[in-house]
Amino acid sequence: PPILLLHGFDSSLLEFRRLMPQLAPHRET
């Protein structure tokens, strides 16, 4: 399954700037 990341309160998807590069080579993120 693809992965969808949801950020926290008063935040944005930039919260996942360090996690996405670790996930993307392995799963659609």
mmCIF file of all heavy atoms, coordinates in Angstrom:
data_MODEL
# 
_entry.id   MODEL 
# 
loop_
_atom_site.group_PDB 
_atom_site.id 
_atom_site.type_symbol 
_atom_site.label_atom_id 
_atom_site.label_alt_id 
_atom_site.label_comp_id 
_atom_site.label_asym_id 
_atom_site.label_entity_id 
_atom_site.label_seq_id 
_atom_site.pdbx_PDB_ins_code 
_atom_site.Cartn_x 
_atom_site.Cartn_y 
_atom_site.Cartn_z 
_atom_site.occupancy 
_atom_site.B_iso_or_equiv 
_atom_site.pdbx_formal_charge 
_atom_site.auth_seq_id 
_atom_site.auth_comp_id 
_atom_site.auth_asym_id 
_atom_site.auth_atom_id 
_atom_site.pdbx_PDB_model_num 
ATOM 1   N N   . PRO A 1 1  ? 0.826  -1.211 0.000  1.00 0.00 ? 1  PRO A N   1 
ATOM 2   C CA  . PRO A 1 1  ? 0.000  0.000  0.000  1.00 0.00 ? 1  PRO A CA  1 
ATOM 3   C C   . PRO A 1 1  ? 0.852  1.250  0.000  1.00 0.00 ? 1  PRO A C   1 
ATOM 4   O O   . PRO A 1 1  ? 1.934  1.268  0.611  1.00 0.00 ? 1  PRO A O   1 
ATOM 5   C CB  . PRO A 1 1  ? -0.815 -0.119 1.289  1.00 0.00 ? 1  PRO A CB  1 
ATOM 6   C CG  . PRO A 1 1  ? -0.030 -1.038 2.157  1.00 0.00 ? 1  PRO A CG  1 
ATOM 7   C CD  . PRO A 1 1  ? 0.664  -1.991 1.244  1.00 0.00 ? 1  PRO A CD  1 
ATOM 8   N N   . PRO A 1 2  ? 0.414  2.297  -0.662 1.00 0.00 ? 2  PRO A N   1 
ATOM 9   C CA  . PRO A 1 2  ? 1.134  3.572  -0.574 1.00 0.00 ? 2  PRO A CA  1 
ATOM 10  C C   . PRO A 1 2  ? 1.047  4.122  0.837  1.00 0.00 ? 2  PRO A C   1 
ATOM 11  O O   . PRO A 1 2  ? 0.140  3.766  1.607  1.00 0.00 ? 2  PRO A O   1 
ATOM 12  C CB  . PRO A 1 2  ? 0.385  4.467  -1.573 1.00 0.00 ? 2  PRO A CB  1 
ATOM 13  C CG  . PRO A 1 2  ? -0.987 3.875  -1.646 1.00 0.00 ? 2  PRO A CG  1 
ATOM 14  C CD  . PRO A 1 2  ? -0.819 2.399  -1.462 1.00 0.00 ? 2  PRO A CD  1 
ATOM 15  N N   . ILE A 1 3  ? 1.967  4.996  1.166  1.00 0.00 ? 3  ILE A N   1 
ATOM 16  C CA  . ILE A 1 3  ? 2.004  5.646  2.473  1.00 0.00 ? 3  ILE A CA  1 
ATOM 17  C C   . ILE A 1 3  ? 1.520  7.087  2.317  1.00 0.00 ? 3  ILE A C   1 
ATOM 18  O O   . ILE A 1 3  ? 1.929  7.787  1.394  1.00 0.00 ? 3  ILE A O   1 
ATOM 19  C CB  . ILE A 1 3  ? 3.427  5.636  3.051  1.00 0.00 ? 3  ILE A CB  1 
ATOM 20  C CG1 . ILE A 1 3  ? 3.879  4.195  3.329  1.00 0.00 ? 3  ILE A CG1 1 
ATOM 21  C CG2 . ILE A 1 3  ? 3.512  6.472  4.323  1.00 0.00 ? 3  ILE A CG2 1 
ATOM 22  C CD1 . ILE A 1 3  ? 5.356  4.089  3.698  1.00 0.00 ? 3  ILE A CD1 1 
ATOM 23  N N   . LEU A 1 4  ? 0.651  7.527  3.221  1.00 0.00 ? 4  LEU A N   1 
ATOM 24  C CA  . LEU A 1 4  ? 0.226  8.926  3.265  1.00 0.00 ? 4  LEU A CA  1 
ATOM 25  C C   . LEU A 1 4  ? 0.559  9.473  4.648  1.00 0.00 ? 4  LEU A C   1 
ATOM 26  O O   . LEU A 1 4  ? 0.150  8.917  5.664  1.00 0.00 ? 4  LEU A O   1 
ATOM 27  C CB  . LEU A 1 4  ? -1.265 9.075  2.995  1.00 0.00 ? 4  LEU A CB  1 
ATOM 28  C CG  . LEU A 1 4  ? -1.835 10.507 3.125  1.00 0.00 ? 4  LEU A CG  1 
ATOM 29  C CD1 . LEU A 1 4  ? -1.169 11.463 2.146  1.00 0.00 ? 4  LEU A CD1 1 
ATOM 30  C CD2 . LEU A 1 4  ? -3.354 10.509 2.926  1.00 0.00 ? 4  LEU A CD2 1 
ATOM 31  N N   . LEU A 1 5  ? 1.307  10.581 4.681  1.00 0.00 ? 5  LEU A N   1 
ATOM 32  C CA  . LEU A 1 5  ? 1.778  11.204 5.916  1.00 0.00 ? 5  LEU A CA  1 
ATOM 33  C C   . LEU A 1 5  ? 0.926  12.426 6.251  1.00 0.00 ? 5  LEU A C   1 
ATOM 34  O O   . LEU A 1 5  ? 0.722  13.298 5.399  1.00 0.00 ? 5  LEU A O   1 
ATOM 35  C CB  . LEU A 1 5  ? 3.243  11.626 5.762  1.00 0.00 ? 5  LEU A CB  1 
ATOM 36  C CG  . LEU A 1 5  ? 4.224  10.538 5.308  1.00 0.00 ? 5  LEU A CG  1 
ATOM 37  C CD1 . LEU A 1 5  ? 5.585  11.159 4.981  1.00 0.00 ? 5  LEU A CD1 1 
ATOM 38  C CD2 . LEU A 1 5  ? 4.364  9.464  6.372  1.00 0.00 ? 5  LEU A CD2 1 
ATOM 39  N N   . LEU A 1 6  ? 0.460  12.499 7.501  1.00 0.00 ? 6  LEU A N   1 
ATOM 40  C CA  . LEU A 1 6  ? -0.346 13.622 7.981  1.00 0.00 ? 6  LEU A CA  1 
ATOM 41  C C   . LEU A 1 6  ? 0.391  14.342 9.100  1.00 0.00 ? 6  LEU A C   1 
ATOM 42  O O   . LEU A 1 6  ? 0.762  13.732 10.105 1.00 0.00 ? 6  LEU A O   1 
ATOM 43  C CB  . LEU A 1 6  ? -1.705 13.135 8.494  1.00 0.00 ? 6  LEU A CB  1 
ATOM 44  C CG  . LEU A 1 6  ? -2.573 12.324 7.525  1.00 0.00 ? 6  LEU A CG  1 
ATOM 45  C CD1 . LEU A 1 6  ? -3.898 11.956 8.197  1.00 0.00 ? 6  LEU A CD1 1 
ATOM 46  C CD2 . LEU A 1 6  ? -2.825 13.085 6.230  1.00 0.00 ? 6  LEU A CD2 1 
ATOM 47  N N   . HIS A 1 7  ? 0.570  15.642 8.950  1.00 0.00 ? 7  HIS A N   1 
ATOM 48  C CA  . HIS A 1 7  ? 1.335  16.467 9.886  1.00 0.00 ? 7  HIS A CA  1 
ATOM 49  C C   . HIS A 1 7  ? 0.526  16.804 11.137 1.00 0.00 ? 7  HIS A C   1 
ATOM 50  O O   . HIS A 1 7  ? -0.658 16.526 11.240 1.00 0.00 ? 7  HIS A O   1 
ATOM 51  C CB  . HIS A 1 7  ? 1.765  17.761 9.190  1.00 0.00 ? 7  HIS A CB  1 
ATOM 52  C CG  . HIS A 1 7  ? 0.583  18.576 8.717  1.00 0.00 ? 7  HIS A CG  1 
ATOM 53  N ND1 . HIS A 1 7  ? -0.180 19.325 9.572  1.00 0.00 ? 7  HIS A ND1 1 
ATOM 54  C CD2 . HIS A 1 7  ? 0.034  18.733 7.479  1.00 0.00 ? 7  HIS A CD2 1 
ATOM 55  C CE1 . HIS A 1 7  ? -1.162 19.925 8.879  1.00 0.00 ? 7  HIS A CE1 1 
ATOM 56  N NE2 . HIS A 1 7  ? -1.054 19.576 7.612  1.00 0.00 ? 7  HIS A NE2 1 
ATOM 57  N N   . GLY A 1 8  ? 1.201  17.471 12.071 1.00 0.00 ? 8  GLY A N   1 
ATOM 58  C CA  . GLY A 1 8  ? 0.577  17.842 13.334 1.00 0.00 ? 8  GLY A CA  1 
ATOM 59  C C   . GLY A 1 8  ? -0.061 19.214 13.327 1.00 0.00 ? 8  GLY A C   1 
ATOM 60  O O   . GLY A 1 8  ? -0.192 19.881 12.296 1.00 0.00 ? 8  GLY A O   1 
ATOM 61  N N   . PHE A 1 9  ? -0.460 19.667 14.529 1.00 0.00 ? 9  PHE A N   1 
ATOM 62  C CA  . PHE A 1 9  ? -1.151 20.938 14.726 1.00 0.00 ? 9  PHE A CA  1 
ATOM 63  C C   . PHE A 1 9  ? -0.272 22.111 14.333 1.00 0.00 ? 9  PHE A C   1 
ATOM 64  O O   . PHE A 1 9  ? 0.916  22.150 14.643 1.00 0.00 ? 9  PHE A O   1 
ATOM 65  C CB  . PHE A 1 9  ? -1.561 21.060 16.201 1.00 0.00 ? 9  PHE A CB  1 
ATOM 66  C CG  . PHE A 1 9  ? -2.241 22.351 16.551 1.00 0.00 ? 9  PHE A CG  1 
ATOM 67  C CD1 . PHE A 1 9  ? -3.551 22.592 16.176 1.00 0.00 ? 9  PHE A CD1 1 
ATOM 68  C CD2 . PHE A 1 9  ? -1.565 23.332 17.266 1.00 0.00 ? 9  PHE A CD2 1 
ATOM 69  C CE1 . PHE A 1 9  ? -4.185 23.790 16.511 1.00 0.00 ? 9  PHE A CE1 1 
ATOM 70  C CE2 . PHE A 1 9  ? -2.185 24.528 17.605 1.00 0.00 ? 9  PHE A CE2 1 
ATOM 71  C CZ  . PHE A 1 9  ? -3.499 24.749 17.223 1.00 0.00 ? 9  PHE A CZ  1 
ATOM 72  N N   . ASP A 1 10 ? -0.870 23.073 13.640 1.00 0.00 ? 10 ASP A N   1 
ATOM 73  C CA  . ASP A 1 10 ? -0.173 24.295 13.224 1.00 0.00 ? 10 ASP A CA  1 
ATOM 74  C C   . ASP A 1 10 ? 1.148  23.961 12.551 1.00 0.00 ? 10 ASP A C   1 
ATOM 75  O O   . ASP A 1 10 ? 2.199  24.521 12.863 1.00 0.00 ? 10 ASP A O   1 
ATOM 76  C CB  . ASP A 1 10 ? 0.051  25.222 14.413 1.00 0.00 ? 10 ASP A CB  1 
ATOM 77  C CG  . ASP A 1 10 ? 0.566  26.603 13.994 1.00 0.00 ? 10 ASP A CG  1 
ATOM 78  O OD1 . ASP A 1 10 ? 0.312  26.994 12.839 1.00 0.00 ? 10 ASP A OD1 1 
ATOM 79  O OD2 . ASP A 1 10 ? 1.210  27.270 14.822 1.00 0.00 ? 10 ASP A OD2 1 
ATOM 80  N N   . SER A 1 11 ? 1.088  23.043 11.580 1.00 0.00 ? 11 SER A N   1 
ATOM 81  C CA  . SER A 1 11 ? 2.293  22.580 10.907 1.00 0.00 ? 11 SER A CA  1 
ATOM 82  C C   . SER A 1 11 ? 1.996  22.425 9.424  1.00 0.00 ? 11 SER A C   1 
ATOM 83  O O   . SER A 1 11 ? 0.968  22.902 8.919  1.00 0.00 ? 11 SER A O   1 
ATOM 84  C CB  . SER A 1 11 ? 2.745  21.255 11.534 1.00 0.00 ? 11 SER A CB  1 
ATOM 85  O OG  . SER A 1 11 ? 3.986  20.836 11.009 1.00 0.00 ? 11 SER A OG  1 
ATOM 86  N N   . SER A 1 12 ? 2.900  21.754 8.723  1.00 0.00 ? 12 SER A N   1 
ATOM 87  C CA  . SER A 1 12 ? 2.733  21.531 7.293  1.00 0.00 ? 12 SER A CA  1 
ATOM 88  C C   . SER A 1 12 ? 3.458  20.246 6.911  1.00 0.00 ? 12 SER A C   1 
ATOM 89  O O   . SER A 1 12 ? 4.134  19.614 7.733  1.00 0.00 ? 12 SER A O   1 
ATOM 90  C CB  . SER A 1 12 ? 3.320  22.704 6.493  1.00 0.00 ? 12 SER A CB  1 
ATOM 91  O OG  . SER A 1 12 ? 4.745  22.627 6.461  1.00 0.00 ? 12 SER A OG  1 
ATOM 92  N N   . LEU A 1 13 ? 3.334  19.873 5.649  1.00 0.00 ? 13 LEU A N   1 
ATOM 93  C CA  . LEU A 1 13 ? 3.995  18.649 5.177  1.00 0.00 ? 13 LEU A CA  1 
ATOM 94  C C   . LEU A 1 13 ? 5.523  18.761 5.230  1.00 0.00 ? 13 LEU A C   1 
ATOM 95  O O   . LEU A 1 13 ? 6.222  17.745 5.150  1.00 0.00 ? 13 LEU A O   1 
ATOM 96  C CB  . LEU A 1 13 ? 3.511  18.282 3.786  1.00 0.00 ? 13 LEU A CB  1 
ATOM 97  C CG  . LEU A 1 13 ? 3.729  19.267 2.624  1.00 0.00 ? 13 LEU A CG  1 
ATOM 98  C CD1 . LEU A 1 13 ? 5.121  19.166 2.040  1.00 0.00 ? 13 LEU A CD1 1 
ATOM 99  C CD2 . LEU A 1 13 ? 2.695  19.004 1.539  1.00 0.00 ? 13 LEU A CD2 1 
ATOM 100 N N   . LEU A 1 14 ? 6.062  19.975 5.392  1.00 0.00 ? 14 LEU A N   1 
ATOM 101 C CA  . LEU A 1 14 ? 7.508  20.116 5.569  1.00 0.00 ? 14 LEU A CA  1 
ATOM 102 C C   . LEU A 1 14 ? 8.002  19.394 6.819  1.00 0.00 ? 14 LEU A C   1 
ATOM 103 O O   . LEU A 1 14 ? 9.198  19.137 6.968  1.00 0.00 ? 14 LEU A O   1 
ATOM 104 C CB  . LEU A 1 14 ? 7.900  21.591 5.641  1.00 0.00 ? 14 LEU A CB  1 
ATOM 105 C CG  . LEU A 1 14 ? 7.979  22.343 4.310  1.00 0.00 ? 14 LEU A CG  1 
ATOM 106 C CD1 . LEU A 1 14 ? 8.244  23.824 4.548  1.00 0.00 ? 14 LEU A CD1 1 
ATOM 107 C CD2 . LEU A 1 14 ? 9.057  21.752 3.410  1.00 0.00 ? 14 LEU A CD2 1 
ATOM 108 N N   . GLU A 1 15 ? 7.089  19.050 7.700  1.00 0.00 ? 15 GLU A N   1 
ATOM 109 C CA  . GLU A 1 15 ? 7.414  18.264 8.887  1.00 0.00 ? 15 GLU A CA  1 
ATOM 110 C C   . GLU A 1 15 ? 8.046  16.917 8.514  1.00 0.00 ? 15 GLU A C   1 
ATOM 111 O O   . GLU A 1 15 ? 8.766  16.322 9.313  1.00 0.00 ? 15 GLU A O   1 
ATOM 112 C CB  . GLU A 1 15 ? 6.129  18.062 9.682  1.00 0.00 ? 15 GLU A CB  1 
ATOM 113 C CG  . GLU A 1 15 ? 6.272  17.465 11.045 1.00 0.00 ? 15 GLU A CG  1 
ATOM 114 C CD  . GLU A 1 15 ? 4.940  17.410 11.775 1.00 0.00 ? 15 GLU A CD  1 
ATOM 115 O OE1 . GLU A 1 15 ? 4.199  18.424 11.758 1.00 0.00 ? 15 GLU A OE1 1 
ATOM 116 O OE2 . GLU A 1 15 ? 4.625  16.354 12.349 1.00 0.00 ? 15 GLU A OE2 1 
ATOM 117 N N   . PHE A 1 16 ? 7.805  16.465 7.285  1.00 0.00 ? 16 PHE A N   1 
ATOM 118 C CA  . PHE A 1 16 ? 8.286  15.149 6.871  1.00 0.00 ? 16 PHE A CA  1 
ATOM 119 C C   . PHE A 1 16 ? 9.509  15.230 5.949  1.00 0.00 ? 16 PHE A C   1 
ATOM 120 O O   . PHE A 1 16 ? 9.820  14.289 5.236  1.00 0.00 ? 16 PHE A O   1 
ATOM 121 C CB  . PHE A 1 16 ? 7.152  14.375 6.193  1.00 0.00 ? 16 PHE A CB  1 
ATOM 122 C CG  . PHE A 1 16 ? 5.984  14.147 7.116  1.00 0.00 ? 16 PHE A CG  1 
ATOM 123 C CD1 . PHE A 1 16 ? 4.779  14.812 6.921  1.00 0.00 ? 16 PHE A CD1 1 
ATOM 124 C CD2 . PHE A 1 16 ? 6.108  13.295 8.194  1.00 0.00 ? 16 PHE A CD2 1 
ATOM 125 C CE1 . PHE A 1 16 ? 3.715  14.617 7.791  1.00 0.00 ? 16 PHE A CE1 1 
ATOM 126 C CE2 . PHE A 1 16 ? 5.053  13.092 9.072  1.00 0.00 ? 16 PHE A CE2 1 
ATOM 127 C CZ  . PHE A 1 16 ? 3.850  13.755 8.866  1.00 0.00 ? 16 PHE A CZ  1 
ATOM 128 N N   . ARG A 1 17 ? 10.214 16.352 6.002  1.00 0.00 ? 17 ARG A N   1 
ATOM 129 C CA  . ARG A 1 17 ? 11.354 16.569 5.101  1.00 0.00 ? 17 ARG A CA  1 
ATOM 130 C C   . ARG A 1 17 ? 12.474 15.562 5.326  1.00 0.00 ? 17 ARG A C   1 
ATOM 131 O O   . ARG A 1 17 ? 13.254 15.281 4.404  1.00 0.00 ? 17 ARG A O   1 
ATOM 132 C CB  . ARG A 1 17 ? 11.873 18.002 5.273  1.00 0.00 ? 17 ARG A CB  1 
ATOM 133 C CG  . ARG A 1 17 ? 12.355 18.328 6.672  1.00 0.00 ? 17 ARG A CG  1 
ATOM 134 C CD  . ARG A 1 17 ? 12.554 19.828 6.856  1.00 0.00 ? 17 ARG A CD  1 
ATOM 135 N NE  . ARG A 1 17 ? 13.000 20.193 8.210  1.00 0.00 ? 17 ARG A NE  1 
ATOM 136 C CZ  . ARG A 1 17 ? 12.161 20.386 9.224  1.00 0.00 ? 17 ARG A CZ  1 
ATOM 137 N NH1 . ARG A 1 17 ? 10.857 20.244 9.061  1.00 0.00 ? 17 ARG A NH1 1 
ATOM 138 N NH2 . ARG A 1 17 ? 12.629 20.722 10.418 1.00 0.00 ? 17 ARG A NH2 1 
ATOM 139 N N   . ARG A 1 18 ? 12.621 15.033 6.530  1.00 0.00 ? 18 ARG A N   1 
ATOM 140 C CA  . ARG A 1 18 ? 13.679 14.061 6.801  1.00 0.00 ? 18 ARG A CA  1 
ATOM 141 C C   . ARG A 1 18 ? 13.178 12.627 6.709  1.00 0.00 ? 18 ARG A C   1 
ATOM 142 O O   . ARG A 1 18 ? 13.984 11.709 6.533  1.00 0.00 ? 18 ARG A O   1 
ATOM 143 C CB  . ARG A 1 18 ? 14.282 14.316 8.183  1.00 0.00 ? 18 ARG A CB  1 
ATOM 144 C CG  . ARG A 1 18 ? 14.992 15.657 8.273  1.00 0.00 ? 18 ARG A CG  1 
ATOM 145 C CD  . ARG A 1 18 ? 15.512 15.943 9.666  1.00 0.00 ? 18 ARG A CD  1 
ATOM 146 N NE  . ARG A 1 18 ? 16.066 17.303 9.731  1.00 0.00 ? 18 ARG A NE  1 
ATOM 147 C CZ  . ARG A 1 18 ? 16.121 18.023 10.829 1.00 0.00 ? 18 ARG A CZ  1 
ATOM 148 N NH1 . ARG A 1 18 ? 15.664 17.523 11.967 1.00 0.00 ? 18 ARG A NH1 1 
ATOM 149 N NH2 . ARG A 1 18 ? 16.628 19.234 10.808 1.00 0.00 ? 18 ARG A NH2 1 
ATOM 150 N N   . LEU A 1 19 ? 11.880 12.413 6.844  1.00 0.00 ? 19 LEU A N   1 
ATOM 151 C CA  . LEU A 1 19 ? 11.331 11.054 6.796  1.00 0.00 ? 19 LEU A CA  1 
ATOM 152 C C   . LEU A 1 19 ? 11.089 10.587 5.367  1.00 0.00 ? 19 LEU A C   1 
ATOM 153 O O   . LEU A 1 19 ? 11.385 9.434  5.025  1.00 0.00 ? 19 LEU A O   1 
ATOM 154 C CB  . LEU A 1 19 ? 10.028 10.996 7.586  1.00 0.00 ? 19 LEU A CB  1 
ATOM 155 C CG  . LEU A 1 19 ? 9.362  9.616  7.673  1.00 0.00 ? 19 LEU A CG  1 
ATOM 156 C CD1 . LEU A 1 19 ? 10.263 8.625  8.410  1.00 0.00 ? 19 LEU A CD1 1 
ATOM 157 C CD2 . LEU A 1 19 ? 8.003  9.729  8.367  1.00 0.00 ? 19 LEU A CD2 1 
ATOM 158 N N   . MET A 1 20 ? 10.574 11.463 4.515  1.00 0.00 ? 20 MET A N   1 
ATOM 159 C CA  . MET A 1 20 ? 10.237 11.045 3.146  1.00 0.00 ? 20 MET A CA  1 
ATOM 160 C C   . MET A 1 20 ? 11.431 10.479 2.385  1.00 0.00 ? 20 MET A C   1 
ATOM 161 O O   . MET A 1 20 ? 11.287 9.466  1.689  1.00 0.00 ? 20 MET A O   1 
ATOM 162 C CB  . MET A 1 20 ? 9.589  12.185 2.367  1.00 0.00 ? 20 MET A CB  1 
ATOM 163 C CG  . MET A 1 20 ? 8.142  12.438 2.767  1.00 0.00 ? 20 MET A CG  1 
ATOM 164 S SD  . MET A 1 20 ? 7.232  13.421 1.557  1.00 0.00 ? 20 MET A SD  1 
ATOM 165 C CE  . MET A 1 20 ? 6.947  12.234 0.259  1.00 0.00 ? 20 MET A CE  1 
ATOM 166 N N   . PRO A 1 21 ? 12.631 11.069 2.470  1.00 0.00 ? 21 PRO A N   1 
ATOM 167 C CA  . PRO A 1 21 ? 13.761 10.474 1.742  1.00 0.00 ? 21 PRO A CA  1 
ATOM 168 C C   . PRO A 1 21 ? 14.112 9.069  2.216  1.00 0.00 ? 21 PRO A C   1 
ATOM 169 O O   . PRO A 1 21 ? 14.721 8.306  1.464  1.00 0.00 ? 21 PRO A O   1 
ATOM 170 C CB  . PRO A 1 21 ? 14.913 11.455 2.027  1.00 0.00 ? 21 PRO A CB  1 
ATOM 171 C CG  . PRO A 1 21 ? 14.253 12.743 2.368  1.00 0.00 ? 21 PRO A CG  1 
ATOM 172 C CD  . PRO A 1 21 ? 12.992 12.365 3.088  1.00 0.00 ? 21 PRO A CD  1 
ATOM 173 N N   . GLN A 1 22 ? 13.738 8.733  3.446  1.00 0.00 ? 22 GLN A N   1 
ATOM 174 C CA  . GLN A 1 22 ? 14.004 7.391  3.959  1.00 0.00 ? 22 GLN A CA  1 
ATOM 175 C C   . GLN A 1 22 ? 12.939 6.384  3.498  1.00 0.00 ? 22 GLN A C   1 
ATOM 176 O O   . GLN A 1 22 ? 13.229 5.189  3.371  1.00 0.00 ? 22 GLN A O   1 
ATOM 177 C CB  . GLN A 1 22 ? 14.040 7.419  5.499  1.00 0.00 ? 22 GLN A CB  1 
ATOM 178 C CG  . GLN A 1 22 ? 15.027 8.406  6.094  1.00 0.00 ? 22 GLN A CG  1 
ATOM 179 C CD  . GLN A 1 22 ? 16.466 8.073  5.760  1.00 0.00 ? 22 GLN A CD  1 
ATOM 180 O OE1 . GLN A 1 22 ? 16.822 6.918  5.569  1.00 0.00 ? 22 GLN A OE1 1 
ATOM 181 N NE2 . GLN A 1 22 ? 17.303 9.095  5.674  1.00 0.00 ? 22 GLN A NE2 1 
ATOM 182 N N   . LEU A 1 23 ? 11.742 6.860  3.231  1.00 0.00 ? 23 LEU A N   1 
ATOM 183 C CA  . LEU A 1 23 ? 10.643 5.978  2.821  1.00 0.00 ? 23 LEU A CA  1 
ATOM 184 C C   . LEU A 1 23 ? 10.560 5.810  1.314  1.00 0.00 ? 23 LEU A C   1 
ATOM 185 O O   . LEU A 1 23 ? 10.262 4.716  0.806  1.00 0.00 ? 23 LEU A O   1 
ATOM 186 C CB  . LEU A 1 23 ? 9.308  6.534  3.332  1.00 0.00 ? 23 LEU A CB  1 
ATOM 187 C CG  . LEU A 1 23 ? 9.091  6.565  4.837  1.00 0.00 ? 23 LEU A CG  1 
ATOM 188 C CD1 . LEU A 1 23 ? 7.800  7.329  5.159  1.00 0.00 ? 23 LEU A CD1 1 
ATOM 189 C CD2 . LEU A 1 23 ? 9.017  5.161  5.427  1.00 0.00 ? 23 LEU A CD2 1 
ATOM 190 N N   . ALA A 1 24 ? 10.811 6.888  0.587  1.00 0.00 ? 24 ALA A N   1 
ATOM 191 C CA  . ALA A 1 24 ? 10.531 6.924  -0.849 1.00 0.00 ? 24 ALA A CA  1 
ATOM 192 C C   . ALA A 1 24 ? 11.254 5.872  -1.673 1.00 0.00 ? 24 ALA A C   1 
ATOM 193 O O   . ALA A 1 24 ? 10.671 5.353  -2.634 1.00 0.00 ? 24 ALA A O   1 
ATOM 194 C CB  . ALA A 1 24 ? 10.831 8.322  -1.394 1.00 0.00 ? 24 ALA A CB  1 
ATOM 195 N N   . PRO A 1 25 ? 12.498 5.495  -1.368 1.00 0.00 ? 25 PRO A N   1 
ATOM 196 C CA  . PRO A 1 25 ? 13.132 4.457  -2.186 1.00 0.00 ? 25 PRO A CA  1 
ATOM 197 C C   . PRO A 1 25 ? 12.461 3.096  -2.065 1.00 0.00 ? 25 PRO A C   1 
ATOM 198 O O   . PRO A 1 25 ? 12.690 2.215  -2.901 1.00 0.00 ? 25 PRO A O   1 
ATOM 199 C CB  . PRO A 1 25 ? 14.564 4.401  -1.627 1.00 0.00 ? 25 PRO A CB  1 
ATOM 200 C CG  . PRO A 1 25 ? 14.783 5.729  -0.991 1.00 0.00 ? 25 PRO A CG  1 
ATOM 201 C CD  . PRO A 1 25 ? 13.448 6.087  -0.405 1.00 0.00 ? 25 PRO A CD  1 
ATOM 202 N N   . HIS A 1 26 ? 11.620 2.929  -1.060 1.00 0.00 ? 26 HIS A N   1 
ATOM 203 C CA  . HIS A 1 26 ? 11.035 1.619  -0.789 1.00 0.00 ? 26 HIS A CA  1 
ATOM 204 C C   . HIS A 1 26 ? 9.530  1.560  -1.020 1.00 0.00 ? 26 HIS A C   1 
ATOM 205 O O   . HIS A 1 26 ? 9.008  0.497  -1.349 1.00 0.00 ? 26 HIS A O   1 
ATOM 206 C CB  . HIS A 1 26 ? 11.325 1.223  0.663  1.00 0.00 ? 26 HIS A CB  1 
ATOM 207 C CG  . HIS A 1 26 ? 12.772 1.335  1.027  1.00 0.00 ? 26 HIS A CG  1 
ATOM 208 N ND1 . HIS A 1 26 ? 13.705 0.398  0.651  1.00 0.00 ? 26 HIS A ND1 1 
ATOM 209 C CD2 . HIS A 1 26 ? 13.445 2.305  1.715  1.00 0.00 ? 26 HIS A CD2 1 
ATOM 210 C CE1 . HIS A 1 26 ? 14.900 0.759  1.109  1.00 0.00 ? 26 HIS A CE1 1 
ATOM 211 N NE2 . HIS A 1 26 ? 14.774 1.915  1.740  1.00 0.00 ? 26 HIS A NE2 1 
ATOM 212 N N   . ARG A 1 27 ? 8.865  2.674  -0.844 1.00 0.00 ? 27 ARG A N   1 
ATOM 213 C CA  . ARG A 1 27 ? 7.403  2.694  -0.965 1.00 0.00 ? 27 ARG A CA  1 
ATOM 214 C C   . ARG A 1 27 ? 6.944  3.998  -1.598 1.00 0.00 ? 27 ARG A C   1 
ATOM 215 O O   . ARG A 1 27 ? 7.560  5.053  -1.401 1.00 0.00 ? 27 ARG A O   1 
ATOM 216 C CB  . ARG A 1 27 ? 6.743  2.580  0.415  1.00 0.00 ? 27 ARG A CB  1 
ATOM 217 C CG  . ARG A 1 27 ? 6.977  1.263  1.132  1.00 0.00 ? 27 ARG A CG  1 
ATOM 218 C CD  . ARG A 1 27 ? 5.954  0.212  0.759  1.00 0.00 ? 27 ARG A CD  1 
ATOM 219 N NE  . ARG A 1 27 ? 4.662  0.530  1.316  1.00 0.00 ? 27 ARG A NE  1 
ATOM 220 C CZ  . ARG A 1 27 ? 4.283  0.254  2.565  1.00 0.00 ? 27 ARG A CZ  1 
ATOM 221 N NH1 . ARG A 1 27 ? 5.120  -0.333 3.413  1.00 0.00 ? 27 ARG A NH1 1 
ATOM 222 N NH2 . ARG A 1 27 ? 3.069  0.550  2.986  1.00 0.00 ? 27 ARG A NH2 1 
ATOM 223 N N   . GLU A 1 28 ? 5.886  3.927  -2.348 1.00 0.00 ? 28 GLU A N   1 
ATOM 224 C CA  . GLU A 1 28 ? 5.224  5.144  -2.834 1.00 0.00 ? 28 GLU A CA  1 
ATOM 225 C C   . GLU A 1 28 ? 4.757  5.935  -1.621 1.00 0.00 ? 28 GLU A C   1 
ATOM 226 O O   . GLU A 1 28 ? 4.009  5.423  -0.786 1.00 0.00 ? 28 GLU A O   1 
ATOM 227 C CB  . GLU A 1 28 ? 4.040  4.771  -3.716 1.00 0.00 ? 28 GLU A CB  1 
ATOM 228 C CG  . GLU A 1 28 ? 3.252  5.956  -4.217 1.00 0.00 ? 28 GLU A CG  1 
ATOM 229 C CD  . GLU A 1 28 ? 2.037  5.544  -5.029 1.00 0.00 ? 28 GLU A CD  1 
ATOM 230 O OE1 . GLU A 1 28 ? 1.877  4.330  -5.315 1.00 0.00 ? 28 GLU A OE1 1 
ATOM 231 O OE2 . GLU A 1 28 ? 1.240  6.431  -5.369 1.00 0.00 ? 28 GLU A OE2 1 
ATOM 232 N N   . THR A 1 29 ? 5.198  7.182  -1.515 1.00 0.00 ? 29 THR A N   1 
ATOM 233 C CA  . THR A 1 29 ? 4.955  7.971  -0.311 1.00 0.00 ? 29 THR A CA  1 
ATOM 234 C C   . THR A 1 29 ? 4.379  9.328  -0.669 1.00 0.00 ? 29 THR A C   1 
ATOM 235 O O   . THR A 1 29 ? 4.915  10.036 -1.517 1.00 0.00 ? 29 THR A O   1 
ATOM 236 C CB  . THR A 1 29 ? 6.261  8.150  0.491  1.00 0.00 ? 29 THR A CB  1 
ATOM 237 O OG1 . THR A 1 29 ? 6.840  6.862  0.758  1.00 0.00 ? 29 THR A OG1 1 
ATOM 238 C CG2 . THR A 1 29 ? 6.003  8.855  1.806  1.00 0.00 ? 29 THR A CG2 1 
# 
